[in-house]
Amino acid sequence: MTNESQPGGVTPIGGDLTGVRFLTVAEVAALMRVSKMSVYRLIHNGDLEAVRFGRSFRVPEKAVHAYLRDAFFETG
């Protein structure tokens, strides 16, 4: 499998997955304090990396932290 984006904005990840913690969409929504639909939207738009298992998605915890870090800005 190549590192190209798949339909629906889902990008395959390569490399060693040892020690990677995967979160459910509900866990990501609770962590980010948004709705599950918002998380699905981020995944399908390609803004949040995810792995598809059957009909459900799992999001690497590092991807959530990276997204939040990149989305953070100070007001003022």
Protein backbone atom coordinates (compact mmCIF):
# COMPACT_ATOMS: atom_id res chain seq x y z
CA MET A 1 0.00 0.00 0.00
CA THR A 2 1.34 3.42 -0.91
CA ASN A 3 1.29 6.53 1.22
CA GLU A 4 -1.37 8.18 -0.96
CA SER A 5 -4.67 9.40 0.42
CA GLN A 6 -7.59 7.01 0.12
CA PRO A 7 -11.20 7.98 -0.64
CA GLY A 8 -12.85 9.73 2.27
CA GLY A 9 -9.66 11.49 3.37
CA VAL A 10 -8.26 8.41 5.11
CA THR A 11 -4.50 8.10 4.75
CA PRO A 12 -2.76 4.79 5.35
CA ILE A 13 0.08 4.96 7.85
CA GLY A 14 3.22 2.93 7.50
CA GLY A 15 5.98 1.84 9.77
CA ASP A 16 6.06 0.17 13.14
CA LEU A 17 2.81 0.43 15.08
CA THR A 18 4.24 -1.03 18.28
CA GLY A 19 3.19 1.12 21.20
CA VAL A 20 0.70 3.19 19.20
CA ARG A 21 -2.43 3.90 21.23
CA PHE A 22 -5.58 4.08 19.15
CA LEU A 23 -8.65 6.01 20.28
CA THR A 24 -12.24 5.55 19.22
CA VAL A 25 -14.16 8.41 17.63
CA ALA A 26 -16.11 8.80 20.89
CA GLU A 27 -12.87 9.04 22.90
CA VAL A 28 -11.47 11.64 20.51
CA ALA A 29 -14.72 13.64 20.71
CA ALA A 30 -14.60 13.58 24.52
CA LEU A 31 -10.93 14.57 24.55
CA MET A 32 -11.49 17.45 22.14
CA ARG A 33 -14.90 18.34 23.65
CA VAL A 34 -16.65 18.24 20.30
CA SER A 35 -19.35 16.00 18.83
CA LYS A 36 -18.60 12.66 17.23
CA MET A 37 -19.86 14.12 13.93
CA SER A 38 -17.16 16.82 14.15
CA VAL A 39 -14.52 14.10 14.54
CA TYR A 40 -15.91 12.17 11.56
CA ARG A 41 -15.82 15.40 9.55
CA LEU A 42 -12.15 15.96 10.46
CA ILE A 43 -11.34 12.39 9.43
CA HIS A 44 -13.21 12.54 6.13
CA ASN A 45 -11.70 15.94 5.24
CA GLY A 46 -8.23 14.53 5.84
CA ASP A 47 -7.51 16.90 8.74
CA LEU A 48 -7.21 14.08 11.27
CA GLU A 49 -5.32 10.87 10.58
CA ALA A 50 -7.31 7.68 11.13
CA VAL A 51 -7.25 3.94 10.52
CA ARG A 52 -10.35 2.14 9.37
CA PHE A 53 -11.29 -1.20 10.92
CA GLY A 54 -14.32 -2.53 9.11
CA ARG A 55 -16.97 0.15 9.48
CA SER A 56 -15.32 1.99 12.38
CA PHE A 57 -12.36 4.33 12.67
CA ARG A 58 -9.52 4.43 15.16
CA VAL A 59 -7.38 7.52 15.57
CA PRO A 60 -3.76 7.34 16.74
CA GLU A 61 -3.41 9.34 19.95
CA LYS A 62 -0.39 11.14 18.50
CA ALA A 63 -2.54 12.35 15.59
CA VAL A 64 -5.02 13.96 18.00
CA HIS A 65 -2.24 15.74 19.90
CA ALA A 66 -0.62 16.87 16.63
CA TYR A 67 -3.93 18.22 15.33
CA LEU A 68 -4.59 20.14 18.55
CA ARG A 69 -1.04 21.51 18.62
CA ASP A 70 -1.29 22.71 15.00
CA ALA A 71 -4.79 24.16 15.49
CA PHE A 72 -3.88 26.09 18.64
CA PHE A 73 -3.45 29.84 18.41
CA GLU A 74 -3.35 32.63 20.93
CA THR A 75 -5.84 35.45 20.89
CA GLY A 76 -5.10 38.79 21.99
